Amino acid sequence: MRPRLTDDGIRPELDLHGCTVNEALHLARQLIIESVRRGRDSVRLIHGMSTSTPGKRTIKSALTELIENRELALHVSSAFKSEGHMIVALRRRGNRHIPGRMTLRNISHS
């Protein structure tokens, strides 16, 4: 399975199944930055259930660390973590909503 980005024009959803941890982090960062630029309120990141060996870095743990270490503090206001996914609330910073749907191509080459 490869990562998939679906976008209804309001809240993009990025399914990170099939990604390495580093690929997932790159795509999540770029989606958050591009979503803020387009005036979106939130993004949904699907990381799946962490069923790996204890102590091994997973997409879920890496995304949690990314949000909690405040690396994206200019873009992220909060995150709601649930089993299998997280919803990240974004800071709009006065950005107007840019209509149109995003694709993986919009974020993967950034």
PDB file of N, CA and C in Angstrom:
ATOM      1  N   MET A   1       0.840  -1.178   0.000  1.00  0.00           N
ATOM      2  CA  MET A   1       0.000   0.000   0.000  1.00  0.00           C
ATOM      3  C   MET A   1       0.886   1.243   0.000  1.00  0.00           C
ATOM      4  N   ARG A   2       0.462   2.241  -0.693  1.00  0.00           N
ATOM      5  CA  ARG A   2       1.200   3.501  -0.779  1.00  0.00           C
ATOM      6  C   ARG A   2       0.416   4.587  -0.058  1.00  0.00           C
ATOM      7  N   PRO A   3       1.083   5.671   0.320  1.00  0.00           N
ATOM      8  CA  PRO A   3       0.352   6.757   0.978  1.00  0.00           C
ATOM      9  C   PRO A   3      -0.712   7.321   0.037  1.00  0.00           C
ATOM     10  N   ARG A   4      -1.815   7.784   0.633  1.00  0.00           N
ATOM     11  CA  ARG A   4      -2.901   8.365  -0.158  1.00  0.00           C
ATOM     12  C   ARG A   4      -3.341   9.674   0.486  1.00  0.00           C
ATOM     13  N   LEU A   5      -3.590  10.653  -0.344  1.00  0.00           N
ATOM     14  CA  LEU A   5      -4.123  11.927   0.126  1.00  0.00           C
ATOM     15  C   LEU A   5      -5.493  12.106  -0.497  1.00  0.00           C
ATOM     16  N   THR A   6      -6.498  12.246   0.342  1.00  0.00           N
ATOM     17  CA  THR A   6      -7.832  12.583  -0.142  1.00  0.00           C
ATOM     18  C   THR A   6      -8.164  13.958   0.414  1.00  0.00           C
ATOM     19  N   ASP A   7      -8.854  14.735  -0.375  1.00  0.00           N
ATOM     20  CA  ASP A   7      -9.139  16.116   0.016  1.00  0.00           C
ATOM     21  C   ASP A   7     -10.529  16.484  -0.481  1.00  0.00           C
ATOM     22  N   ASP A   8     -11.389  16.834   0.443  1.00  0.00           N
ATOM     23  CA  ASP A   8     -12.741  17.260   0.079  1.00  0.00           C
ATOM     24  C   ASP A   8     -12.826  18.771  -0.103  1.00  0.00           C
ATOM     25  N   GLY A   9     -11.678  19.438  -0.079  1.00  0.00           N
ATOM     26  CA  GLY A   9     -11.655  20.887  -0.207  1.00  0.00           C
ATOM     27  C   GLY A   9     -11.786  21.598   1.128  1.00  0.00           C
ATOM     28  N   ILE A  10     -12.034  20.831   2.190  1.00  0.00           N
ATOM     29  CA  ILE A  10     -12.176  21.406   3.526  1.00  0.00           C
ATOM     30  C   ILE A  10     -11.093  20.880   4.458  1.00  0.00           C
ATOM     31  N   ARG A  11     -11.052  19.541   4.629  1.00  0.00           N
ATOM     32  CA  ARG A  11     -10.033  18.941   5.490  1.00  0.00           C
ATOM     33  C   ARG A  11      -9.351  17.795   4.758  1.00  0.00           C
ATOM     34  N   PRO A  12      -8.078  17.952   4.405  1.00  0.00           N
ATOM     35  CA  PRO A  12      -7.355  16.867   3.754  1.00  0.00           C
ATOM     36  C   PRO A  12      -7.086  15.720   4.720  1.00  0.00           C
ATOM     37  N   GLU A  13      -7.004  14.530   4.152  1.00  0.00           N
ATOM     38  CA  GLU A  13      -6.756  13.327   4.937  1.00  0.00           C
ATOM     39  C   GLU A  13      -5.606  12.566   4.291  1.00  0.00           C
ATOM     40  N   LEU A  14      -4.555  12.339   5.053  1.00  0.00           N
ATOM     41  CA  LEU A  14      -3.359  11.675   4.551  1.00  0.00           C
ATOM     42  C   LEU A  14      -3.218  10.313   5.219  1.00  0.00           C
ATOM     43  N   ASP A  15      -3.321   9.254   4.417  1.00  0.00           N
ATOM     44  CA  ASP A  15      -3.155   7.887   4.903  1.00  0.00           C
ATOM     45  C   ASP A  15      -1.707   7.498   4.673  1.00  0.00           C
ATOM     46  N   LEU A  16      -0.991   7.261   5.753  1.00  0.00           N
ATOM     47  CA  LEU A  16       0.447   7.035   5.694  1.00  0.00           C
ATOM     48  C   LEU A  16       0.839   5.557   5.681  1.00  0.00           C
ATOM     49  N   HIS A  17      -0.118   4.677   5.523  1.00  0.00           N
ATOM     50  CA  HIS A  17       0.202   3.244   5.431  1.00  0.00           C
ATOM     51  C   HIS A  17       1.149   3.020   4.250  1.00  0.00           C
ATOM     52  N   GLY A  18       2.158   2.217   4.466  1.00  0.00           N
ATOM     53  CA  GLY A  18       3.120   1.906   3.416  1.00  0.00           C
ATOM     54  C   GLY A  18       4.328   2.818   3.397  1.00  0.00           C
ATOM     55  N   CYS A  19       4.330   3.848   4.218  1.00  0.00           N
ATOM     56  CA  CYS A  19       5.466   4.779   4.277  1.00  0.00           C
ATOM     57  C   CYS A  19       6.482   4.309   5.309  1.00  0.00           C
ATOM     58  N   THR A  20       7.721   4.714   5.094  1.00  0.00           N
ATOM     59  CA  THR A  20       8.699   4.598   6.173  1.00  0.00           C
ATOM     60  C   THR A  20       8.419   5.740   7.144  1.00  0.00           C
ATOM     61  N   VAL A  21       9.022   5.688   8.305  1.00  0.00           N
ATOM     62  CA  VAL A  21       8.828   6.763   9.290  1.00  0.00           C
ATOM     63  C   VAL A  21       9.283   8.099   8.703  1.00  0.00           C
ATOM     64  N   ASN A  22      10.424   8.123   8.055  1.00  0.00           N
ATOM     65  CA  ASN A  22      10.936   9.382   7.485  1.00  0.00           C
ATOM     66  C   ASN A  22      10.049   9.906   6.365  1.00  0.00           C
ATOM     67  N   GLU A  23       9.555   9.018   5.500  1.00  0.00           N
ATOM     68  CA  GLU A  23       8.635   9.453   4.436  1.00  0.00           C
ATOM     69  C   GLU A  23       7.363  10.032   5.048  1.00  0.00           C
ATOM     70  N   ALA A  24       6.831   9.365   6.059  1.00  0.00           N
ATOM     71  CA  ALA A  24       5.608   9.824   6.720  1.00  0.00           C
ATOM     72  C   ALA A  24       5.802  11.202   7.342  1.00  0.00           C
ATOM     73  N   LEU A  25       6.923  11.404   8.012  1.00  0.00           N
ATOM     74  CA  LEU A  25       7.200  12.709   8.616  1.00  0.00           C
ATOM     75  C   LEU A  25       7.303  13.806   7.564  1.00  0.00           C
ATOM     76  N   HIS A  26       7.989  13.519   6.470  1.00  0.00           N
ATOM     77  CA  HIS A  26       8.121  14.502   5.390  1.00  0.00           C
ATOM     78  C   HIS A  26       6.748  14.871   4.831  1.00  0.00           C
ATOM     79  N   LEU A  27       5.943  13.865   4.504  1.00  0.00           N
ATOM     80  CA  LEU A  27       4.624  14.126   3.929  1.00  0.00           C
ATOM     81  C   LEU A  27       3.721  14.869   4.917  1.00  0.00           C
ATOM     82  N   ALA A  28       3.760  14.480   6.187  1.00  0.00           N
ATOM     83  CA  ALA A  28       2.922  15.146   7.191  1.00  0.00           C
ATOM     84  C   ALA A  28       3.324  16.615   7.347  1.00  0.00           C
ATOM     85  N   ARG A  29       4.623  16.885   7.439  1.00  0.00           N
ATOM     86  CA  ARG A  29       5.107  18.281   7.537  1.00  0.00           C
ATOM     87  C   ARG A  29       4.620  19.104   6.344  1.00  0.00           C
ATOM     88  N   GLN A  30       4.830  18.567   5.160  1.00  0.00           N
ATOM     89  CA  GLN A  30       4.477  19.306   3.947  1.00  0.00           C
ATOM     90  C   GLN A  30       2.973  19.517   3.837  1.00  0.00           C
ATOM     91  N   LEU A  31       2.188  18.509   4.236  1.00  0.00           N
ATOM     92  CA  LEU A  31       0.737  18.664   4.200  1.00  0.00           C
ATOM     93  C   LEU A  31       0.293  19.753   5.171  1.00  0.00           C
ATOM     94  N   ILE A  32       0.850  19.753   6.358  1.00  0.00           N
ATOM     95  CA  ILE A  32       0.489  20.773   7.348  1.00  0.00           C
ATOM     96  C   ILE A  32       0.837  22.168   6.827  1.00  0.00           C
ATOM     97  N   ILE A  33       2.025  22.338   6.311  1.00  0.00           N
ATOM     98  CA  ILE A  33       2.459  23.650   5.806  1.00  0.00           C
ATOM     99  C   ILE A  33       1.590  24.101   4.637  1.00  0.00           C
ATOM    100  N   GLU A  34       1.330  23.210   3.688  1.00  0.00           N
ATOM    101  CA  GLU A  34       0.514  23.555   2.520  1.00  0.00           C
ATOM    102  C   GLU A  34      -0.936  23.819   2.923  1.00  0.00           C
ATOM    103  N   SER A  35      -1.435  23.074   3.896  1.00  0.00           N
ATOM    104  CA  SER A  35      -2.815  23.283   4.353  1.00  0.00           C
ATOM    105  C   SER A  35      -2.974  24.642   5.025  1.00  0.00           C
ATOM    106  N   VAL A  36      -1.993  25.049   5.814  1.00  0.00           N
ATOM    107  CA  VAL A  36      -2.037  26.380   6.423  1.00  0.00           C
ATOM    108  C   VAL A  36      -1.989  27.445   5.331  1.00  0.00           C
ATOM    109  N   ARG A  37      -1.119  27.254   4.349  1.00  0.00           N
ATOM    110  CA  ARG A  37      -1.012  28.209   3.240  1.00  0.00           C
ATOM    111  C   ARG A  37      -2.345  28.360   2.510  1.00  0.00           C
ATOM    112  N   ARG A  38      -3.091  27.267   2.410  1.00  0.00           N
ATOM    113  CA  ARG A  38      -4.379  27.287   1.712  1.00  0.00           C
ATOM    114  C   ARG A  38      -5.545  27.674   2.619  1.00  0.00           C
ATOM    115  N   GLY A  39      -5.255  27.996   3.884  1.00  0.00           N
ATOM    116  CA  GLY A  39      -6.306  28.458   4.787  1.00  0.00           C
ATOM    117  C   GLY A  39      -7.180  27.362   5.363  1.00  0.00           C
ATOM    118  N   ARG A  40      -6.682  26.144   5.431  1.00  0.00           N
ATOM    119  CA  ARG A  40      -7.461  25.045   5.999  1.00  0.00           C
ATOM    120  C   ARG A  40      -7.423  25.107   7.520  1.00  0.00           C
ATOM    121  N   ASP A  41      -8.438  24.532   8.160  1.00  0.00           N
ATOM    122  CA  ASP A  41      -8.539  24.537   9.620  1.00  0.00           C
ATOM    123  C   ASP A  41      -7.873  23.340  10.271  1.00  0.00           C
ATOM    124  N   SER A  42      -7.836  22.203   9.565  1.00  0.00           N
ATOM    125  CA  SER A  42      -7.290  20.984  10.169  1.00  0.00           C
ATOM    126  C   SER A  42      -6.902  19.981   9.086  1.00  0.00           C
ATOM    127  N   VAL A  43      -6.121  18.984   9.498  1.00  0.00           N
ATOM    128  CA  VAL A  43      -5.778  17.851   8.634  1.00  0.00           C
ATOM    129  C   VAL A  43      -5.952  16.584   9.461  1.00  0.00           C
ATOM    130  N   ARG A  44      -6.230  15.493   8.782  1.00  0.00           N
ATOM    131  CA  ARG A  44      -6.319  14.191   9.450  1.00  0.00           C
ATOM    132  C   ARG A  44      -5.164  13.343   8.943  1.00  0.00           C
ATOM    133  N   LEU A  45      -4.369  12.831   9.882  1.00  0.00           N
ATOM    134  CA  LEU A  45      -3.228  11.978   9.556  1.00  0.00           C
ATOM    135  C   LEU A  45      -3.533  10.568  10.038  1.00  0.00           C
ATOM    136  N   ILE A  46      -3.598   9.628   9.106  1.00  0.00           N
ATOM    137  CA  ILE A  46      -3.886   8.239   9.447  1.00  0.00           C
ATOM    138  C   ILE A  46      -2.559   7.497   9.529  1.00  0.00           C
ATOM    139  N   HIS A  47      -2.217   7.067  10.732  1.00  0.00           N
ATOM    140  CA  HIS A  47      -0.935   6.393  10.949  1.00  0.00           C
ATOM    141  C   HIS A  47      -1.104   4.908  11.206  1.00  0.00           C
ATOM    142  N   GLY A  48      -2.296   4.466  11.479  1.00  0.00           N
ATOM    143  CA  GLY A  48      -2.538   3.057  11.762  1.00  0.00           C
ATOM    144  C   GLY A  48      -2.247   2.725  13.210  1.00  0.00           C
ATOM    145  N   MET A  49      -2.455   1.479  13.531  1.00  0.00           N
ATOM    146  CA  MET A  49      -2.226   0.981  14.881  1.00  0.00           C
ATOM    147  C   MET A  49      -0.749   0.648  15.034  1.00  0.00           C
ATOM    148  N   SER A  50      -0.175   1.026  16.135  1.00  0.00           N
ATOM    149  CA  SER A  50       1.234   0.718  16.383  1.00  0.00           C
ATOM    150  C   SER A  50       1.338  -0.675  16.975  1.00  0.00           C
ATOM    151  N   THR A  51       1.662  -1.643  16.138  1.00  0.00           N
ATOM    152  CA  THR A  51       1.742  -3.032  16.597  1.00  0.00           C
ATOM    153  C   THR A  51       3.160  -3.564  16.490  1.00  0.00           C
ATOM    154  N   SER A  52       4.128  -2.664  16.445  1.00  0.00           N
ATOM    155  CA  SER A  52       5.516  -3.106  16.276  1.00  0.00           C
ATOM    156  C   SER A  52       6.154  -3.418  17.622  1.00  0.00           C
ATOM    157  N   THR A  53       7.408  -3.765  17.570  1.00  0.00           N
ATOM    158  CA  THR A  53       8.193  -4.101  18.747  1.00  0.00           C
ATOM    159  C   THR A  53       8.288  -2.898  19.688  1.00  0.00           C
ATOM    160  N   PRO A  54       8.070  -3.096  20.987  1.00  0.00           N
ATOM    161  CA  PRO A  54       8.203  -1.981  21.936  1.00  0.00           C
ATOM    162  C   PRO A  54       9.582  -1.325  21.823  1.00  0.00           C
ATOM    163  N   GLY A  55       9.587  -0.004  21.884  1.00  0.00           N
ATOM    164  CA  GLY A  55      10.836   0.740  21.793  1.00  0.00           C
ATOM    165  C   GLY A  55      11.228   1.097  20.377  1.00  0.00           C
ATOM    166  N   LYS A  56      10.603   0.476  19.386  1.00  0.00           N
ATOM    167  CA  LYS A  56      10.909   0.789  17.985  1.00  0.00           C
ATOM    168  C   LYS A  56      10.079   1.991  17.551  1.00  0.00           C
ATOM    169  N   ARG A  57      10.701   2.908  16.873  1.00  0.00           N
ATOM    170  CA  ARG A  57      10.018   4.121  16.413  1.00  0.00           C
ATOM    171  C   ARG A  57       8.993   3.765  15.345  1.00  0.00           C
ATOM    172  N   THR A  58       7.785   4.250  15.538  1.00  0.00           N
ATOM    173  CA  THR A  58       6.699   4.009  14.593  1.00  0.00           C
ATOM    174  C   THR A  58       6.245   5.340  14.004  1.00  0.00           C
ATOM    175  N   ILE A  59       5.425   5.274  12.971  1.00  0.00           N
ATOM    176  CA  ILE A  59       4.867   6.502  12.397  1.00  0.00           C
ATOM    177  C   ILE A  59       4.057   7.231  13.466  1.00  0.00           C
ATOM    178  N   LYS A  60       3.272   6.494  14.222  1.00  0.00           N
ATOM    179  CA  LYS A  60       2.462   7.102  15.280  1.00  0.00           C
ATOM    180  C   LYS A  60       3.338   7.837  16.297  1.00  0.00           C
ATOM    181  N   SER A  61       4.388   7.188  16.778  1.00  0.00           N
ATOM    182  CA  SER A  61       5.242   7.835  17.782  1.00  0.00           C
ATOM    183  C   SER A  61       6.004   9.017  17.179  1.00  0.00           C
ATOM    184  N   ALA A  62       6.420   8.897  15.924  1.00  0.00           N
ATOM    185  CA  ALA A  62       7.150   9.990  15.271  1.00  0.00           C
ATOM    186  C   ALA A  62       6.242  11.203  15.050  1.00  0.00           C
ATOM    187  N   LEU A  63       4.987  10.980  14.652  1.00  0.00           N
ATOM    188  CA  LEU A  63       4.050  12.092  14.460  1.00  0.00           C
ATOM    189  C   LEU A  63       3.739  12.769  15.797  1.00  0.00           C
ATOM    190  N   THR A  64       3.556  11.961  16.831  1.00  0.00           N
ATOM    191  CA  THR A  64       3.302  12.519  18.160  1.00  0.00           C
ATOM    192  C   THR A  64       4.473  13.392  18.594  1.00  0.00           C
ATOM    193  N   GLU A  65       5.672  12.893  18.380  1.00  0.00           N
ATOM    194  CA  GLU A  65       6.880  13.658  18.721  1.00  0.00           C
ATOM    195  C   GLU A  65       6.960  14.950  17.901  1.00  0.00           C
ATOM    196  N   LEU A  66       6.651  14.871  16.617  1.00  0.00           N
ATOM    197  CA  LEU A  66       6.678  16.043  15.741  1.00  0.00           C
ATOM    198  C   LEU A  66       5.750  17.138  16.263  1.00  0.00           C
ATOM    199  N   ILE A  67       4.554  16.750  16.678  1.00  0.00           N
ATOM    200  CA  ILE A  67       3.581  17.723  17.173  1.00  0.00           C
ATOM    201  C   ILE A  67       3.977  18.229  18.562  1.00  0.00           C
ATOM    202  N   GLU A  68       4.385  17.326  19.426  1.00  0.00           N
ATOM    203  CA  GLU A  68       4.675  17.706  20.816  1.00  0.00           C
ATOM    204  C   GLU A  68       5.971  18.486  20.984  1.00  0.00           C
ATOM    205  N   ASN A  69       6.942  18.317  20.064  1.00  0.00           N
ATOM    206  CA  ASN A  69       8.194  19.058  20.223  1.00  0.00           C
ATOM    207  C   ASN A  69       8.086  20.482  19.677  1.00  0.00           C
ATOM    208  N   ARG A  70       6.902  20.822  19.192  1.00  0.00           N
ATOM    209  CA  ARG A  70       6.566  22.181  18.752  1.00  0.00           C
ATOM    210  C   ARG A  70       7.387  22.649  17.554  1.00  0.00           C
ATOM    211  N   GLU A  71       7.935  21.705  16.794  1.00  0.00           N
ATOM    212  CA  GLU A  71       8.674  22.054  15.572  1.00  0.00           C
ATOM    213  C   GLU A  71       7.774  22.813  14.599  1.00  0.00           C
ATOM    214  N   LEU A  72       6.494  22.485  14.600  1.00  0.00           N
ATOM    215  CA  LEU A  72       5.544  23.129  13.696  1.00  0.00           C
ATOM    216  C   LEU A  72       4.612  24.080  14.451  1.00  0.00           C
ATOM    217  N   ALA A  73       5.098  24.655  15.540  1.00  0.00           N
ATOM    218  CA  ALA A  73       4.272  25.502  16.400  1.00  0.00           C
ATOM    219  C   ALA A  73       3.660  26.694  15.654  1.00  0.00           C
ATOM    220  N   LEU A  74       4.327  27.193  14.626  1.00  0.00           N
ATOM    221  CA  LEU A  74       3.759  28.297  13.839  1.00  0.00           C
ATOM    222  C   LEU A  74       2.534  27.850  13.044  1.00  0.00           C
ATOM    223  N   HIS A  75       2.413  26.565  12.804  1.00  0.00           N
ATOM    224  CA  HIS A  75       1.347  26.030  11.953  1.00  0.00           C
ATOM    225  C   HIS A  75       0.283  25.244  12.708  1.00  0.00           C
ATOM    226  N   VAL A  76       0.647  24.654  13.849  1.00  0.00           N
ATOM    227  CA  VAL A  76      -0.241  23.745  14.569  1.00  0.00           C
ATOM    228  C   VAL A  76      -0.693  24.376  15.875  1.00  0.00           C
ATOM    229  N   SER A  77      -2.010  24.360  16.113  1.00  0.00           N
ATOM    230  CA  SER A  77      -2.505  24.867  17.393  1.00  0.00           C
ATOM    231  C   SER A  77      -2.743  23.735  18.385  1.00  0.00           C
ATOM    232  N   SER A  78      -3.183  22.573  17.922  1.00  0.00           N
ATOM    233  CA  SER A  78      -3.392  21.434  18.810  1.00  0.00           C
ATOM    234  C   SER A  78      -3.573  20.170  17.980  1.00  0.00           C
ATOM    235  N   ALA A  79      -3.611  19.041  18.679  1.00  0.00           N
ATOM    236  CA  ALA A  79      -3.831  17.767  17.994  1.00  0.00           C
ATOM    237  C   ALA A  79      -4.691  16.878  18.872  1.00  0.00           C
ATOM    238  N   PHE A  80      -5.623  16.204  18.222  1.00  0.00           N
ATOM    239  CA  PHE A  80      -6.462  15.216  18.878  1.00  0.00           C
ATOM    240  C   PHE A  80      -5.983  13.853  18.416  1.00  0.00           C
ATOM    241  N   LYS A  81      -5.466  13.066  19.364  1.00  0.00           N
ATOM    242  CA  LYS A  81      -4.923  11.754  19.019  1.00  0.00           C
ATOM    243  C   LYS A  81      -5.944  10.681  19.341  1.00  0.00           C
ATOM    244  N   SER A  82      -6.124   9.772  18.404  1.00  0.00           N
ATOM    245  CA  SER A  82      -7.048   8.671  18.582  1.00  0.00           C
ATOM    246  C   SER A  82      -6.377   7.405  18.083  1.00  0.00           C
ATOM    247  N   GLU A  83      -6.991   6.278  18.301  1.00  0.00           N
ATOM    248  CA  GLU A  83      -6.430   5.026  17.810  1.00  0.00           C
ATOM    249  C   GLU A  83      -6.415   5.043  16.291  1.00  0.00           C
ATOM    250  N   GLY A  84      -5.247   4.950  15.718  1.00  0.00           N
ATOM    251  CA  GLY A  84      -5.132   4.842  14.267  1.00  0.00           C
ATOM    252  C   GLY A  84      -4.998   6.144  13.504  1.00  0.00           C
ATOM    253  N   HIS A  85      -5.316   7.276  14.139  1.00  0.00           N
ATOM    254  CA  HIS A  85      -5.202   8.553  13.425  1.00  0.00           C
ATOM    255  C   HIS A  85      -5.079   9.717  14.408  1.00  0.00           C
ATOM    256  N   MET A  86      -4.760  10.870  13.867  1.00  0.00           N
ATOM    257  CA  MET A  86      -4.792  12.101  14.654  1.00  0.00           C
ATOM    258  C   MET A  86      -5.343  13.218  13.782  1.00  0.00           C
ATOM    259  N   ILE A  87      -6.048  14.116  14.415  1.00  0.00           N
ATOM    260  CA  ILE A  87      -6.547  15.312  13.739  1.00  0.00           C
ATOM    261  C   ILE A  87      -5.739  16.484  14.273  1.00  0.00           C
ATOM    262  N   VAL A  88      -5.134  17.205  13.362  1.00  0.00           N
ATOM    263  CA  VAL A  88      -4.259  18.318  13.725  1.00  0.00           C
ATOM    264  C   VAL A  88      -4.983  19.621  13.399  1.00  0.00           C
ATOM    265  N   ALA A  89      -5.225  20.432  14.426  1.00  0.00           N
ATOM    266  CA  ALA A  89      -5.845  21.741  14.247  1.00  0.00           C
ATOM    267  C   ALA A  89      -4.755  22.726  13.838  1.00  0.00           C
ATOM    268  N   LEU A  90      -5.056  23.524  12.828  1.00  0.00           N
ATOM    269  CA  LEU A  90      -4.057  24.419  12.250  1.00  0.00           C
ATOM    270  C   LEU A  90      -4.314  25.877  12.617  1.00  0.00           C
ATOM    271  N   ARG A  91      -3.239  26.647  12.639  1.00  0.00           N
ATOM    272  CA  ARG A  91      -3.339  28.098  12.832  1.00  0.00           C
ATOM    273  C   ARG A  91      -3.524  28.728  11.459  1.00  0.00           C
ATOM    274  N   ARG A  92      -4.576  29.472  11.292  1.00  0.00           N
ATOM    275  CA  ARG A  92      -4.850  30.052   9.970  1.00  0.00           C
ATOM    276  C   ARG A  92      -4.041  31.306   9.705  1.00  0.00           C
ATOM    277  N   ARG A  93      -3.645  32.011  10.721  1.00  0.00           N
ATOM    278  CA  ARG A  93      -2.796  33.204  10.576  1.00  0.00           C
ATOM    279  C   ARG A  93      -3.290  34.170   9.502  1.00  0.00           C
ATOM    280  N   GLY A  94      -4.582  34.310   9.383  1.00  0.00           N
ATOM    281  CA  GLY A  94      -5.133  35.267   8.432  1.00  0.00           C
ATOM    282  C   GLY A  94      -5.142  34.799   6.994  1.00  0.00           C
ATOM    283  N   ASN A  95      -4.715  33.579   6.741  1.00  0.00           N
ATOM    284  CA  ASN A  95      -4.718  33.066   5.367  1.00  0.00           C
ATOM    285  C   ASN A  95      -6.142  32.851   4.902  1.00  0.00           C
ATOM    286  N   ARG A  96      -6.415  33.291   3.698  1.00  0.00           N
ATOM    287  CA  ARG A  96      -7.729  33.081   3.101  1.00  0.00           C
ATOM    288  C   ARG A  96      -7.793  31.677   2.534  1.00  0.00           C
ATOM    289  N   HIS A  97      -8.991  31.127   2.539  1.00  0.00           N
ATOM    290  CA  HIS A  97      -9.186  29.784   1.995  1.00  0.00           C
ATOM    291  C   HIS A  97      -8.946  29.794   0.487  1.00  0.00           C
ATOM    292  N   ILE A  98      -8.051  28.956   0.048  1.00  0.00           N
ATOM    293  CA  ILE A  98      -7.779  28.798  -1.387  1.00  0.00           C
ATOM    294  C   ILE A  98      -8.545  27.573  -1.852  1.00  0.00           C
ATOM    295  N   PRO A  99      -9.511  27.749  -2.736  1.00  0.00           N
ATOM    296  CA  PRO A  99     -10.299  26.598  -3.179  1.00  0.00           C
ATOM    297  C   PRO A  99      -9.460  25.619  -4.000  1.00  0.00           C
ATOM    298  N   GLY A 100      -9.959  24.429  -4.105  1.00  0.00           N
ATOM    299  CA  GLY A 100      -9.267  23.399  -4.866  1.00  0.00           C
ATOM    300  C   GLY A 100      -8.778  22.303  -3.957  1.00  0.00           C
ATOM    301  N   ARG A 101      -8.616  21.154  -4.540  1.00  0.00           N
ATOM    302  CA  ARG A 101      -8.208  19.985  -3.777  1.00  0.00           C
ATOM    303  C   ARG A 101      -6.730  19.706  -3.963  1.00  0.00           C
ATOM    304  N   MET A 102      -6.106  19.278  -2.898  1.00  0.00           N
ATOM    305  CA  MET A 102      -4.690  18.935  -2.947  1.00  0.00           C
ATOM    306  C   MET A 102      -4.525  17.469  -3.342  1.00  0.00           C
ATOM    307  N   THR A 103      -3.372  17.190  -3.937  1.00  0.00           N
ATOM    308  CA  THR A 103      -2.995  15.818  -4.266  1.00  0.00           C
ATOM    309  C   THR A 103      -1.632  15.543  -3.654  1.00  0.00           C
ATOM    310  N   LEU A 104      -1.223  14.292  -3.663  1.00  0.00           N
ATOM    311  CA  LEU A 104       0.108  13.961  -3.161  1.00  0.00           C
ATOM    312  C   LEU A 104       1.190  14.727  -3.909  1.00  0.00           C
ATOM    313  N   ARG A 105       0.982  14.972  -5.179  1.00  0.00           N
ATOM    314  CA  ARG A 105       1.963  15.702  -5.977  1.00  0.00           C
ATOM    315  C   ARG A 105       2.198  17.102  -5.397  1.00  0.00           C
ATOM    316  N   ASN A 106       1.152  17.727  -4.842  1.00  0.00           N
ATOM    317  CA  ASN A 106       1.294  19.053  -4.244  1.00  0.00           C
ATOM    318  C   ASN A 106       2.221  19.063  -3.042  1.00  0.00           C
ATOM    319  N   ILE A 107       2.322  17.945  -2.345  1.00  0.00           N
ATOM    320  CA  ILE A 107       3.105  17.931  -1.103  1.00  0.00           C
ATOM    321  C   ILE A 107       4.362  17.071  -1.170  1.00  0.00           C
ATOM    322  N   SER A 108       4.415  16.099  -2.040  1.00  0.00           N
ATOM    323  CA  SER A 108       5.541  15.152  -2.000  1.00  0.00           C
ATOM    324  C   SER A 108       6.835  15.710  -2.575  1.00  0.00           C
ATOM    325  N   HIS A 109       6.756  16.737  -3.398  1.00  0.00           N
ATOM    326  CA  HIS A 109       7.965  17.287  -4.003  1.00  0.00           C
ATOM    327  C   HIS A 109       8.394  18.600  -3.370  1.00  0.00           C
ATOM    328  N   SER A 110       7.751  18.958  -2.283  1.00  0.00           N
ATOM    329  CA  SER A 110       8.076  20.229  -1.608  1.00  0.00           C
ATOM    330  C   SER A 110       9.326  20.109  -0.787  1.00  0.00           C
TER     331      SER A 110
END
